[in-house]
Amino acid sequence: MAATKRRYAKEEFARRGDALVESKVRPHLTAADEDKFVAIDIETGEYELDKNEMNAADRLRKRIPAAQIWLVHVTLGYLHRFGGHGLGGKL
């Protein structure tokens, strides 16, 4: 399967993703969803929840093949952190 090209700048992608998670997903979460991942299409607001981030993204892509997917962890609020901010040059 070919990768879907991102149609938004990184900042806009993150802004849309975070806003949709807060407005469409968080109000419906329960304690059982604590360790799950949210894969949300930033254009439609459609989403999937799963304990495995790839399973959530794959299920969403099956429904929306060209989805612009933002992934976050329900508890942590982010999936991966990019860059070395806060490392102070040490690993």
PDB file of N, CA and C in Angstrom:
ATOM      1  N   MET A   1       0.844  -1.175   0.000  1.00  0.00           N
ATOM      2  CA  MET A   1       0.000   0.000   0.000  1.00  0.00           C
ATOM      3  C   MET A   1       0.892   1.241   0.000  1.00  0.00           C
ATOM      4  N   ALA A   2       0.634   2.153  -0.909  1.00  0.00           N
ATOM      5  CA  ALA A   2       1.403   3.390  -0.992  1.00  0.00           C
ATOM      6  C   ALA A   2       1.036   4.317   0.160  1.00  0.00           C
ATOM      7  N   ALA A   3       2.026   5.084   0.589  1.00  0.00           N
ATOM      8  CA  ALA A   3       1.797   6.029   1.684  1.00  0.00           C
ATOM      9  C   ALA A   3       0.906   7.173   1.195  1.00  0.00           C
ATOM     10  N   THR A   4       0.060   7.656   2.086  1.00  0.00           N
ATOM     11  CA  THR A   4      -0.796   8.796   1.778  1.00  0.00           C
ATOM     12  C   THR A   4       0.015  10.063   1.991  1.00  0.00           C
ATOM     13  N   LYS A   5       0.008  10.962   1.024  1.00  0.00           N
ATOM     14  CA  LYS A   5       0.753  12.204   1.128  1.00  0.00           C
ATOM     15  C   LYS A   5       0.051  13.165   2.084  1.00  0.00           C
ATOM     16  N   ARG A   6       0.841  13.748   2.969  1.00  0.00           N
ATOM     17  CA  ARG A   6       0.286  14.723   3.910  1.00  0.00           C
ATOM     18  C   ARG A   6      -0.128  15.972   3.142  1.00  0.00           C
ATOM     19  N   ARG A   7      -1.338  16.459   3.405  1.00  0.00           N
ATOM     20  CA  ARG A   7      -1.880  17.604   2.695  1.00  0.00           C
ATOM     21  C   ARG A   7      -1.851  18.901   3.518  1.00  0.00           C
ATOM     22  N   TYR A   8      -1.253  18.836   4.690  1.00  0.00           N
ATOM     23  CA  TYR A   8      -1.226  20.005   5.570  1.00  0.00           C
ATOM     24  C   TYR A   8       0.173  20.179   6.148  1.00  0.00           C
ATOM     25  N   ALA A   9       0.504  21.402   6.507  1.00  0.00           N
ATOM     26  CA  ALA A   9       1.758  21.667   7.205  1.00  0.00           C
ATOM     27  C   ALA A   9       1.714  20.953   8.560  1.00  0.00           C
ATOM     28  N   LYS A  10       2.874  20.642   9.106  1.00  0.00           N
ATOM     29  CA  LYS A  10       2.944  19.918  10.385  1.00  0.00           C
ATOM     30  C   LYS A  10       2.152  20.611  11.483  1.00  0.00           C
ATOM     31  N   GLU A  11       2.267  21.928  11.560  1.00  0.00           N
ATOM     32  CA  GLU A  11       1.581  22.672  12.615  1.00  0.00           C
ATOM     33  C   GLU A  11       0.062  22.581  12.474  1.00  0.00           C
ATOM     34  N   GLU A  12      -0.417  22.702  11.239  1.00  0.00           N
ATOM     35  CA  GLU A  12      -1.855  22.616  10.985  1.00  0.00           C
ATOM     36  C   GLU A  12      -2.357  21.196  11.230  1.00  0.00           C
ATOM     37  N   PHE A  13      -1.562  20.220  10.842  1.00  0.00           N
ATOM     38  CA  PHE A  13      -1.905  18.817  11.055  1.00  0.00           C
ATOM     39  C   PHE A  13      -2.098  18.559  12.554  1.00  0.00           C
ATOM     40  N   ALA A  14      -1.131  19.005  13.346  1.00  0.00           N
ATOM     41  CA  ALA A  14      -1.182  18.808  14.799  1.00  0.00           C
ATOM     42  C   ALA A  14      -2.345  19.583  15.420  1.00  0.00           C
ATOM     43  N   ARG A  15      -2.551  20.827  14.974  1.00  0.00           N
ATOM     44  CA  ARG A  15      -3.640  21.641  15.524  1.00  0.00           C
ATOM     45  C   ARG A  15      -4.988  20.977  15.269  1.00  0.00           C
ATOM     46  N   ARG A  16      -5.213  20.547  14.041  1.00  0.00           N
ATOM     47  CA  ARG A  16      -6.476  19.881  13.696  1.00  0.00           C
ATOM     48  C   ARG A  16      -6.638  18.578  14.480  1.00  0.00           C
ATOM     49  N   GLY A  17      -5.569  17.784  14.509  1.00  0.00           N
ATOM     50  CA  GLY A  17      -5.633  16.505  15.206  1.00  0.00           C
ATOM     51  C   GLY A  17      -5.965  16.673  16.681  1.00  0.00           C
ATOM     52  N   ASP A  18      -5.238  17.548  17.348  1.00  0.00           N
ATOM     53  CA  ASP A  18      -5.477  17.773  18.782  1.00  0.00           C
ATOM     54  C   ASP A  18      -6.883  18.298  19.044  1.00  0.00           C
ATOM     55  N   ALA A  19      -7.333  19.237  18.216  1.00  0.00           N
ATOM     56  CA  ALA A  19      -8.676  19.805  18.405  1.00  0.00           C
ATOM     57  C   ALA A  19      -9.756  18.734  18.244  1.00  0.00           C
ATOM     58  N   LEU A  20      -9.611  17.874  17.253  1.00  0.00           N
ATOM     59  CA  LEU A  20     -10.609  16.818  17.035  1.00  0.00           C
ATOM     60  C   LEU A  20     -10.583  15.772  18.141  1.00  0.00           C
ATOM     61  N   VAL A  21      -9.404  15.427  18.615  1.00  0.00           N
ATOM     62  CA  VAL A  21      -9.326  14.459  19.718  1.00  0.00           C
ATOM     63  C   VAL A  21     -10.063  15.028  20.930  1.00  0.00           C
ATOM     64  N   GLU A  22      -9.830  16.294  21.227  1.00  0.00           N
ATOM     65  CA  GLU A  22     -10.475  16.913  22.389  1.00  0.00           C
ATOM     66  C   GLU A  22     -11.986  17.031  22.221  1.00  0.00           C
ATOM     67  N   SER A  23     -12.445  17.389  21.027  1.00  0.00           N
ATOM     68  CA  SER A  23     -13.880  17.616  20.839  1.00  0.00           C
ATOM     69  C   SER A  23     -14.683  16.360  20.504  1.00  0.00           C
ATOM     70  N   LYS A  24     -14.116  15.438  19.757  1.00  0.00           N
ATOM     71  CA  LYS A  24     -14.868  14.267  19.294  1.00  0.00           C
ATOM     72  C   LYS A  24     -14.585  12.983  20.055  1.00  0.00           C
ATOM     73  N   VAL A  25     -13.385  12.849  20.619  1.00  0.00           N
ATOM     74  CA  VAL A  25     -12.997  11.575  21.238  1.00  0.00           C
ATOM     75  C   VAL A  25     -13.062  11.632  22.761  1.00  0.00           C
ATOM     76  N   ARG A  26     -12.376  12.582  23.361  1.00  0.00           N
ATOM     77  CA  ARG A  26     -12.280  12.626  24.831  1.00  0.00           C
ATOM     78  C   ARG A  26     -13.630  12.582  25.551  1.00  0.00           C
ATOM     79  N   PRO A  27     -14.673  13.245  25.058  1.00  0.00           N
ATOM     80  CA  PRO A  27     -15.963  13.183  25.759  1.00  0.00           C
ATOM     81  C   PRO A  27     -16.557  11.770  25.844  1.00  0.00           C
ATOM     82  N   HIS A  28     -16.105  10.873  24.985  1.00  0.00           N
ATOM     83  CA  HIS A  28     -16.667   9.520  24.940  1.00  0.00           C
ATOM     84  C   HIS A  28     -15.766   8.461  25.571  1.00  0.00           C
ATOM     85  N   LEU A  29     -14.599   8.864  26.069  1.00  0.00           N
ATOM     86  CA  LEU A  29     -13.660   7.899  26.643  1.00  0.00           C
ATOM     87  C   LEU A  29     -14.106   7.456  28.031  1.00  0.00           C
ATOM     88  N   THR A  30     -13.774   6.201  28.345  1.00  0.00           N
ATOM     89  CA  THR A  30     -14.049   5.646  29.662  1.00  0.00           C
ATOM     90  C   THR A  30     -12.729   5.171  30.270  1.00  0.00           C
ATOM     91  N   ALA A  31     -12.775   4.710  31.486  1.00  0.00           N
ATOM     92  CA  ALA A  31     -11.582   4.192  32.145  1.00  0.00           C
ATOM     93  C   ALA A  31     -10.985   3.012  31.371  1.00  0.00           C
ATOM     94  N   ALA A  32     -11.806   2.270  30.678  1.00  0.00           N
ATOM     95  CA  ALA A  32     -11.326   1.119  29.895  1.00  0.00           C
ATOM     96  C   ALA A  32     -10.470   1.557  28.704  1.00  0.00           C
ATOM     97  N   ASP A  33     -10.542   2.813  28.336  1.00  0.00           N
ATOM     98  CA  ASP A  33      -9.781   3.316  27.191  1.00  0.00           C
ATOM     99  C   ASP A  33      -8.430   3.907  27.590  1.00  0.00           C
ATOM    100  N   GLU A  34      -8.094   3.865  28.860  1.00  0.00           N
ATOM    101  CA  GLU A  34      -6.918   4.535  29.403  1.00  0.00           C
ATOM    102  C   GLU A  34      -5.615   4.238  28.668  1.00  0.00           C
ATOM    103  N   ASP A  35      -5.356   3.002  28.316  1.00  0.00           N
ATOM    104  CA  ASP A  35      -4.095   2.645  27.664  1.00  0.00           C
ATOM    105  C   ASP A  35      -4.228   2.441  26.163  1.00  0.00           C
ATOM    106  N   LYS A  36      -5.193   3.071  25.550  1.00  0.00           N
ATOM    107  CA  LYS A  36      -5.415   2.902  24.120  1.00  0.00           C
ATOM    108  C   LYS A  36      -4.854   4.075  23.322  1.00  0.00           C
ATOM    109  N   PHE A  37      -4.786   3.849  22.034  1.00  0.00           N
ATOM    110  CA  PHE A  37      -4.363   4.864  21.086  1.00  0.00           C
ATOM    111  C   PHE A  37      -5.564   5.317  20.277  1.00  0.00           C
ATOM    112  N   VAL A  38      -5.553   6.585  19.892  1.00  0.00           N
ATOM    113  CA  VAL A  38      -6.582   7.144  19.028  1.00  0.00           C
ATOM    114  C   VAL A  38      -5.940   7.430  17.677  1.00  0.00           C
ATOM    115  N   ALA A  39      -6.541   6.899  16.622  1.00  0.00           N
ATOM    116  CA  ALA A  39      -6.168   7.243  15.253  1.00  0.00           C
ATOM    117  C   ALA A  39      -7.356   8.017  14.706  1.00  0.00           C
ATOM    118  N   ILE A  40      -7.148   9.291  14.380  1.00  0.00           N
ATOM    119  CA  ILE A  40      -8.251  10.126  13.922  1.00  0.00           C
ATOM    120  C   ILE A  40      -7.902  10.774  12.586  1.00  0.00           C
ATOM    121  N   ASP A  41      -8.868  10.779  11.679  1.00  0.00           N
ATOM    122  CA  ASP A  41      -8.699  11.441  10.393  1.00  0.00           C
ATOM    123  C   ASP A  41      -8.979  12.924  10.603  1.00  0.00           C
ATOM    124  N   ILE A  42      -7.987  13.764  10.341  1.00  0.00           N
ATOM    125  CA  ILE A  42      -8.140  15.195  10.637  1.00  0.00           C
ATOM    126  C   ILE A  42      -9.067  15.912   9.670  1.00  0.00           C
ATOM    127  N   GLU A  43      -9.531  15.230   8.636  1.00  0.00           N
ATOM    128  CA  GLU A  43     -10.469  15.857   7.702  1.00  0.00           C
ATOM    129  C   GLU A  43     -11.917  15.496   8.001  1.00  0.00           C
ATOM    130  N   THR A  44     -12.176  14.286   8.443  1.00  0.00           N
ATOM    131  CA  THR A  44     -13.561  13.852   8.675  1.00  0.00           C
ATOM    132  C   THR A  44     -13.934  13.752  10.145  1.00  0.00           C
ATOM    133  N   GLY A  45     -12.938  13.616  11.022  1.00  0.00           N
ATOM    134  CA  GLY A  45     -13.219  13.413  12.441  1.00  0.00           C
ATOM    135  C   GLY A  45     -13.518  11.962  12.785  1.00  0.00           C
ATOM    136  N   GLU A  46     -13.497  11.074  11.795  1.00  0.00           N
ATOM    137  CA  GLU A  46     -13.696   9.646  12.054  1.00  0.00           C
ATOM    138  C   GLU A  46     -12.473   9.120  12.793  1.00  0.00           C
ATOM    139  N   TYR A  47     -12.697   8.185  13.732  1.00  0.00           N
ATOM    140  CA  TYR A  47     -11.565   7.679  14.506  1.00  0.00           C
ATOM    141  C   TYR A  47     -11.748   6.226  14.897  1.00  0.00           C
ATOM    142  N   GLU A  48     -10.628   5.644  15.336  1.00  0.00           N
ATOM    143  CA  GLU A  48     -10.588   4.273  15.862  1.00  0.00           C
ATOM    144  C   GLU A  48      -9.759   4.291  17.131  1.00  0.00           C
ATOM    145  N   LEU A  49     -10.120   3.431  18.070  1.00  0.00           N
ATOM    146  CA  LEU A  49      -9.376   3.242  19.314  1.00  0.00           C
ATOM    147  C   LEU A  49      -8.866   1.810  19.365  1.00  0.00           C
ATOM    148  N   ASP A  50      -7.632   1.634  19.849  1.00  0.00           N
ATOM    149  CA  ASP A  50      -7.088   0.286  20.013  1.00  0.00           C
ATOM    150  C   ASP A  50      -5.884   0.351  20.933  1.00  0.00           C
ATOM    151  N   LYS A  51      -5.564  -0.773  21.577  1.00  0.00           N
ATOM    152  CA  LYS A  51      -4.367  -0.834  22.415  1.00  0.00           C
ATOM    153  C   LYS A  51      -3.100  -0.841  21.567  1.00  0.00           C
ATOM    154  N   ASN A  52      -3.244  -1.135  20.285  1.00  0.00           N
ATOM    155  CA  ASN A  52      -2.126  -1.140  19.345  1.00  0.00           C
ATOM    156  C   ASN A  52      -2.355  -0.022  18.329  1.00  0.00           C
ATOM    157  N   GLU A  53      -1.403   0.907  18.239  1.00  0.00           N
ATOM    158  CA  GLU A  53      -1.589   2.064  17.365  1.00  0.00           C
ATOM    159  C   GLU A  53      -1.722   1.681  15.892  1.00  0.00           C
ATOM    160  N   MET A  54      -1.008   0.649  15.463  1.00  0.00           N
ATOM    161  CA  MET A  54      -1.093   0.239  14.060  1.00  0.00           C
ATOM    162  C   MET A  54      -2.453  -0.386  13.741  1.00  0.00           C
ATOM    163  N   ASN A  55      -3.010  -1.140  14.671  1.00  0.00           N
ATOM    164  CA  ASN A  55      -4.344  -1.710  14.458  1.00  0.00           C
ATOM    165  C   ASN A  55      -5.386  -0.602  14.315  1.00  0.00           C
ATOM    166  N   ALA A  56      -5.281   0.425  15.159  1.00  0.00           N
ATOM    167  CA  ALA A  56      -6.226   1.546  15.079  1.00  0.00           C
ATOM    168  C   ALA A  56      -6.094   2.247  13.729  1.00  0.00           C
ATOM    169  N   ALA A  57      -4.861   2.524  13.306  1.00  0.00           N
ATOM    170  CA  ALA A  57      -4.635   3.208  12.037  1.00  0.00           C
ATOM    171  C   ALA A  57      -5.087   2.348  10.855  1.00  0.00           C
ATOM    172  N   ASP A  58      -4.799   1.053  10.907  1.00  0.00           N
ATOM    173  CA  ASP A  58      -5.200   0.163   9.813  1.00  0.00           C
ATOM    174  C   ASP A  58      -6.715   0.093   9.666  1.00  0.00           C
ATOM    175  N   ARG A  59      -7.430  -0.006  10.795  1.00  0.00           N
ATOM    176  CA  ARG A  59      -8.897  -0.043  10.727  1.00  0.00           C
ATOM    177  C   ARG A  59      -9.457   1.253  10.157  1.00  0.00           C
ATOM    178  N   LEU A  60      -8.882   2.382  10.559  1.00  0.00           N
ATOM    179  CA  LEU A  60      -9.338   3.670  10.034  1.00  0.00           C
ATOM    180  C   LEU A  60      -9.054   3.766   8.538  1.00  0.00           C
ATOM    181  N   ARG A  61      -7.881   3.305   8.119  1.00  0.00           N
ATOM    182  CA  ARG A  61      -7.515   3.354   6.700  1.00  0.00           C
ATOM    183  C   ARG A  61      -8.404   2.440   5.856  1.00  0.00           C
ATOM    184  N   LYS A  62      -8.897   1.361   6.440  1.00  0.00           N
ATOM    185  CA  LYS A  62      -9.823   0.490   5.704  1.00  0.00           C
ATOM    186  C   LYS A  62     -11.126   1.229   5.407  1.00  0.00           C
ATOM    187  N   ARG A  63     -11.557   2.057   6.336  1.00  0.00           N
ATOM    188  CA  ARG A  63     -12.794   2.834   6.135  1.00  0.00           C
ATOM    189  C   ARG A  63     -12.567   4.067   5.288  1.00  0.00           C
ATOM    190  N   ILE A  64     -11.391   4.707   5.474  1.00  0.00           N
ATOM    191  CA  ILE A  64     -11.071   5.948   4.771  1.00  0.00           C
ATOM    192  C   ILE A  64      -9.660   5.792   4.199  1.00  0.00           C
ATOM    193  N   PRO A  65      -9.546   5.252   2.998  1.00  0.00           N
ATOM    194  CA  PRO A  65      -8.229   4.939   2.436  1.00  0.00           C
ATOM    195  C   PRO A  65      -7.247   6.116   2.371  1.00  0.00           C
ATOM    196  N   ALA A  66      -7.711   7.316   2.140  1.00  0.00           N
ATOM    197  CA  ALA A  66      -6.816   8.477   2.039  1.00  0.00           C
ATOM    198  C   ALA A  66      -6.822   9.306   3.323  1.00  0.00           C
ATOM    199  N   ALA A  67      -7.104   8.671   4.440  1.00  0.00           N
ATOM    200  CA  ALA A  67      -7.192   9.390   5.720  1.00  0.00           C
ATOM    201  C   ALA A  67      -5.890  10.113   6.053  1.00  0.00           C
ATOM    202  N   GLN A  68      -6.042  11.290   6.629  1.00  0.00           N
ATOM    203  CA  GLN A  68      -4.925  12.070   7.159  1.00  0.00           C
ATOM    204  C   GLN A  68      -4.908  11.772   8.653  1.00  0.00           C
ATOM    205  N   ILE A  69      -4.131  10.774   9.057  1.00  0.00           N
ATOM    206  CA  ILE A  69      -4.238  10.207  10.408  1.00  0.00           C
ATOM    207  C   ILE A  69      -3.311  10.887  11.404  1.00  0.00           C
ATOM    208  N   TRP A  70      -3.917  11.316  12.508  1.00  0.00           N
ATOM    209  CA  TRP A  70      -3.213  11.853  13.686  1.00  0.00           C
ATOM    210  C   TRP A  70      -3.340  10.785  14.763  1.00  0.00           C
ATOM    211  N   LEU A  71      -2.219  10.372  15.327  1.00  0.00           N
ATOM    212  CA  LEU A  71      -2.204   9.334  16.359  1.00  0.00           C
ATOM    213  C   LEU A  71      -1.801   9.920  17.696  1.00  0.00           C
ATOM    214  N   VAL A  72      -2.572   9.610  18.722  1.00  0.00           N
ATOM    215  CA  VAL A  72      -2.213  10.013  20.083  1.00  0.00           C
ATOM    216  C   VAL A  72      -2.546   8.879  21.048  1.00  0.00           C
ATOM    217  N   HIS A  73      -1.839   8.861  22.144  1.00  0.00           N
ATOM    218  CA  HIS A  73      -2.122   7.921  23.223  1.00  0.00           C
ATOM    219  C   HIS A  73      -3.118   8.590  24.156  1.00  0.00           C
ATOM    220  N   VAL A  74      -4.156   7.890  24.533  1.00  0.00           N
ATOM    221  CA  VAL A  74      -5.225   8.461  25.360  1.00  0.00           C
ATOM    222  C   VAL A  74      -4.679   9.043  26.659  1.00  0.00           C
ATOM    223  N   THR A  75      -3.790   8.331  27.323  1.00  0.00           N
ATOM    224  CA  THR A  75      -3.284   8.773  28.621  1.00  0.00           C
ATOM    225  C   THR A  75      -2.155   9.792  28.497  1.00  0.00           C
ATOM    226  N   LEU A  76      -1.201   9.517  27.621  1.00  0.00           N
ATOM    227  CA  LEU A  76      -0.022  10.371  27.506  1.00  0.00           C
ATOM    228  C   LEU A  76      -0.278  11.631  26.700  1.00  0.00           C
ATOM    229  N   GLY A  77      -1.224  11.561  25.768  1.00  0.00           N
ATOM    230  CA  GLY A  77      -1.544  12.724  24.967  1.00  0.00           C
ATOM    231  C   GLY A  77      -0.690  12.881  23.719  1.00  0.00           C
ATOM    232  N   TYR A  78       0.348  12.073  23.576  1.00  0.00           N
ATOM    233  CA  TYR A  78       1.136  12.100  22.352  1.00  0.00           C
ATOM    234  C   TYR A  78       1.606  10.688  22.066  1.00  0.00           C
ATOM    235  N   LEU A  79       1.973  10.445  20.820  1.00  0.00           N
ATOM    236  CA  LEU A  79       2.429   9.112  20.458  1.00  0.00           C
ATOM    237  C   LEU A  79       3.939   9.032  20.513  1.00  0.00           C
ATOM    238  N   HIS A  80       4.591   9.889  19.774  1.00  0.00           N
ATOM    239  CA  HIS A  80       6.048   9.929  19.749  1.00  0.00           C
ATOM    240  C   HIS A  80       6.474  11.375  19.869  1.00  0.00           C
ATOM    241  N   ARG A  81       7.607  11.584  20.498  1.00  0.00           N
ATOM    242  CA  ARG A  81       8.144  12.922  20.614  1.00  0.00           C
ATOM    243  C   ARG A  81       9.282  13.043  19.622  1.00  0.00           C
ATOM    244  N   PHE A  82       9.278  14.098  18.830  1.00  0.00           N
ATOM    245  CA  PHE A  82      10.313  14.305  17.836  1.00  0.00           C
ATOM    246  C   PHE A  82      11.285  15.364  18.327  1.00  0.00           C
ATOM    247  N   GLY A  83      12.551  15.216  17.971  1.00  0.00           N
ATOM    248  CA  GLY A  83      13.561  16.199  18.316  1.00  0.00           C
ATOM    249  C   GLY A  83      14.193  15.903  19.657  1.00  0.00           C
ATOM    250  N   GLY A  84      15.179  16.699  19.996  1.00  0.00           N
ATOM    251  CA  GLY A  84      15.939  16.473  21.206  1.00  0.00           C
ATOM    252  C   GLY A  84      15.677  17.483  22.292  1.00  0.00           C
ATOM    253  N   HIS A  85      14.553  18.149  22.255  1.00  0.00           N
ATOM    254  CA  HIS A  85      14.232  19.164  23.258  1.00  0.00           C
ATOM    255  C   HIS A  85      14.330  18.574  24.652  1.00  0.00           C
ATOM    256  N   GLY A  86      15.065  19.233  25.515  1.00  0.00           N
ATOM    257  CA  GLY A  86      15.172  18.811  26.903  1.00  0.00           C
ATOM    258  C   GLY A  86      16.275  17.799  27.161  1.00  0.00           C
ATOM    259  N   LEU A  87      16.999  17.384  26.124  1.00  0.00           N
ATOM    260  CA  LEU A  87      18.054  16.416  26.322  1.00  0.00           C
ATOM    261  C   LEU A  87      19.360  17.068  26.750  1.00  0.00           C
ATOM    262  N   GLY A  88      19.492  18.361  26.511  1.00  0.00           N
ATOM    263  CA  GLY A  88      20.701  19.073  26.919  1.00  0.00           C
ATOM    264  C   GLY A  88      21.963  18.532  26.259  1.00  0.00           C
ATOM    265  N   GLY A  89      21.819  17.965  25.063  1.00  0.00           N
ATOM    266  CA  GLY A  89      22.974  17.453  24.353  1.00  0.00           C
ATOM    267  C   GLY A  89      23.434  16.090  24.821  1.00  0.00           C
ATOM    268  N   LYS A  90      22.748  15.489  25.768  1.00  0.00           N
ATOM    269  CA  LYS A  90      23.137  14.179  26.305  1.00  0.00           C
ATOM    270  C   LYS A  90      22.104  13.135  25.883  1.00  0.00           C
ATOM    271  N   LEU A  91      22.564  11.941  25.702  1.00  0.00           N
ATOM    272  CA  LEU A  91      21.668  10.850  25.382  1.00  0.00           C
ATOM    273  C   LEU A  91      21.553   9.901  26.522  1.00  0.00           C
TER     274      LEU A  91
END
